[in-house]
Amino acid sequence: MSALLRQIGWKPFLALAAGIGSFSLLLYFYLSQRHVEYNFREVRGHFHTIDRNYHRLNYEILRSSLFAYSNQDEITGDLDTLKHEFEALRKNAFLRRDAYGQSYRSLVRLGEALNRYETMIGDFMMLNAGIKNSFVYITSLSAQKVKLFEDDPVTYARILSIIAEVSQARILFDATFLGDLNEEVEPLGYLSGMSKEQATLIRSFMLHVHYIAANYPGFVQNVNRIETFDLDRRIVELETHFLDEAKLDYEMLDRFVVILAALFLAALTLVIGLLVHAGNENRRLRELEGELRHAISHDQLTGLLSRNRFEQLQAQFESPYLLLLNLDRFKHVNDFYGSAAGNAILKEIGLLIRQPVLEPYRPHYFRLGGDEFGVVLQGIDAERARQMGVMLKKSIEGYTFFVDDIEVYLTVSVAVNGVAPLLENADLILKYDKARHSEGVLVFSEELHLKEQAARNIATAHGLKRALDRDAIVPWFQPIVRLRSGEVAKYEALVRMVGSDGAVSGPAAFLKTAMQTPYYRRITAVMVQKVFEVMAGYDTRFSINLGMRDLADEKMVSMLLSLLETYKERAGRLDIELLESEELDDLESVKDFIKRVKAYGCRVAIDDFGVGYSNFAYLLELDIDILKIDGSLISKVVGDEMTKHTVKTIVRFAKQLGFEIVAEFVEDEATIAVLETMGVEYGQGYYYGHPAPSPEGVTCNTRS
């Protein structure tokens, strides 16, 4: 999940936030629009109610003014409803918004008109009851009792005339028909001789006529004002303003909704696009992850499983045996033919080791290093595993590789191991095999005590480090003597390590291990430095030992040349003995080294000649001065004719080349006698003296 978040970055979240924000705003405006819609309907409902009640109220007023028995309660109820609706409208918060300012101002004006309208209705209701009562009395009750004056035709006619005028005015709702009603009724007040009942009728009749004459014109005028009042115009004005402003409100909301909808759709599109992109990237990353896993678990060149994969799988193997194959001197192939050719050969080997005969053992094939391959077989015994190792060795060594049409043959060392840890033990037996040059297929066994040897090497390496830190690497000196005179010609410096307990160890105890560590270079530097320091007290020559392989070490050579430069006044008395027991890989580097040290006056010797990699050709190629015959030959030169013949041949050859000859391991006079007859000039061995911490400490035996 975290990888996905890192992959897709912040853009999707920004787009998602924009989408959520726009959606929220869209929802807000939608709800606002719903609210506006609700308020719009509510306000319009009030408008319709007010308008309806206003017209109904007018109708009731007109009806009440025309019909004698019309109830004013409905007028009161309608007026209350009208006022209630208006009050609800006035309190409506929706109309108090700034966007509805014109509507609110119209509402205020409507309120003022409504107050005037209410006043007119109040006046109407106040007169309406009295006028209707007087009209009813005059037009119905009086008409019934007028017969009391049938005997007085004048009065009878006057009363009927007045009743007719009032009825006409009532029917036509026109006060002009009343004429000069007060003057017409006035004579009735002067009648005499009337009965009590007639007098009562005339008094009541005149009272109602005067009331109508006094109030009906105003009443009619008030009703006409009510009926023609422009409250409905105010309502229409208010509704018109409201509709106009609501339209703007709706349009504004619509614009926002459209913008937000567009923004939301854009954000949604962007999110979808980014998610699709992230999905593609995620799929690409999974593919890349698969490729990386394959790259980690497989060797890219050969396609075999890698060393890392071996480490992962080794715990899962069942009864495994590891066949560890190392190509001998494959570095030479790369150096001579180039790495491209070397890679092509490695790929072919990756195919060669896949032998069908291995399939029953559920094989796993690995490339464990540059020129190192591993085959893990399961469910197999040691002897069968060794046989499979032999088969693979023959397959590779019998195969002809071609590089630019040149045939190339390889040899391979094979180690077989079924003891955990598989690779470490196989590596131990492989190194053991190479050291012995057995050219066979060795199976790891605890009886070889290789681990113990490795432990001893580690302990020796630790001891070397401590010795170097304690300055306990020292030279001991052994004389080299002229055979005929017994005179010491020079001293060979031999390395010794002094333990913390004072015990002194020779090079056999530590030098082989030291050569596999960085301490070897430090030991050589210490030895050369200390030999030069000892030489300060002597006039004779001294010699030191170097291995042929040391000369391929540029840092070692540089260190030696630096010391020669430092002690160049003594360098002319230094002989450098090159150990001939080691294989000489780079003849040119040796020749160059000899040339450079001779520039300081040094002489060069070939040490231990006659064993190991002894090669007379070297003697012709190298500009040497001294040949030291190996002690293994000298020790048998007396009594072994074959050895004696070999030594004689070496001496004759060396003399022809003008070399100074030194015989090692000279331990008795018989040997000296034989060497003298051969013409050997110098000898070195216990007969003349054992190595000692200083030249003067050497007890030198001289011939009598």
Foldseek 3Di string as FASTA:
>chain_A
DVVLPVVLDCVLVVLVVLLVVLVVVLVVLVVVVVVLVVVLVLLVVLLVLLVVLLVVLLVLLVVLLQDLPRDCVVNVVSLVSNVVSLVVNLPPVVCVDPLNVVLNVLSVVLVVLSVVLVVLVVVLVVVSNLLSVLLCCLQPVLVVVLVLCVVPVVVSVLSVVQNVLSVVCSNVVHLVSNPPVLVSLVVLVVDDPHDPVSVVSSVSNNVSSVSCNVPSVVSSVSSVCSNPRVSVVSSVSSVVSVVVSSVVVVVVSVVSSVVSVVSSVVSVVSSVVSVVVSVVVVVVVVVVVVVVVQVQQAPPLQRAGEQNVCVVCVVVAALKKKKKKAWPPLVVVCVPQNVVLSSVLQNVLSVQLPDPVQVVQVWGWYDYDDRMIMIMGGPDDDVVQQVSNQVSQCSQQVDWRARPNDTDGIGMAIEMERDPVRPVQSVLVSVVCVVVVVSGYYYGDVVVVSVVVVVLLVVLVVQLVVQVVVVQWAWWWFFKAFLVFLHGQEIETFIWGQGPVRDIDGCVSRVVSCVVDPSNLVSVLSHLVRVLVQCVVDDHAYEYEDELVLLVVPVSLVSVLVVCVVSLVRLLRYEYEYEPQDDHDDLVSQQVSCVSSVVSNYAYEHEQADDHNHDVVSVVVHPHAAYEHHQVLLVCCPPDVVSVVVVLVVLVSCVVVNHQYEYEADADVVSSVSCVVSPHTIYTHPNQFDIGSHPVPTDGDGDD
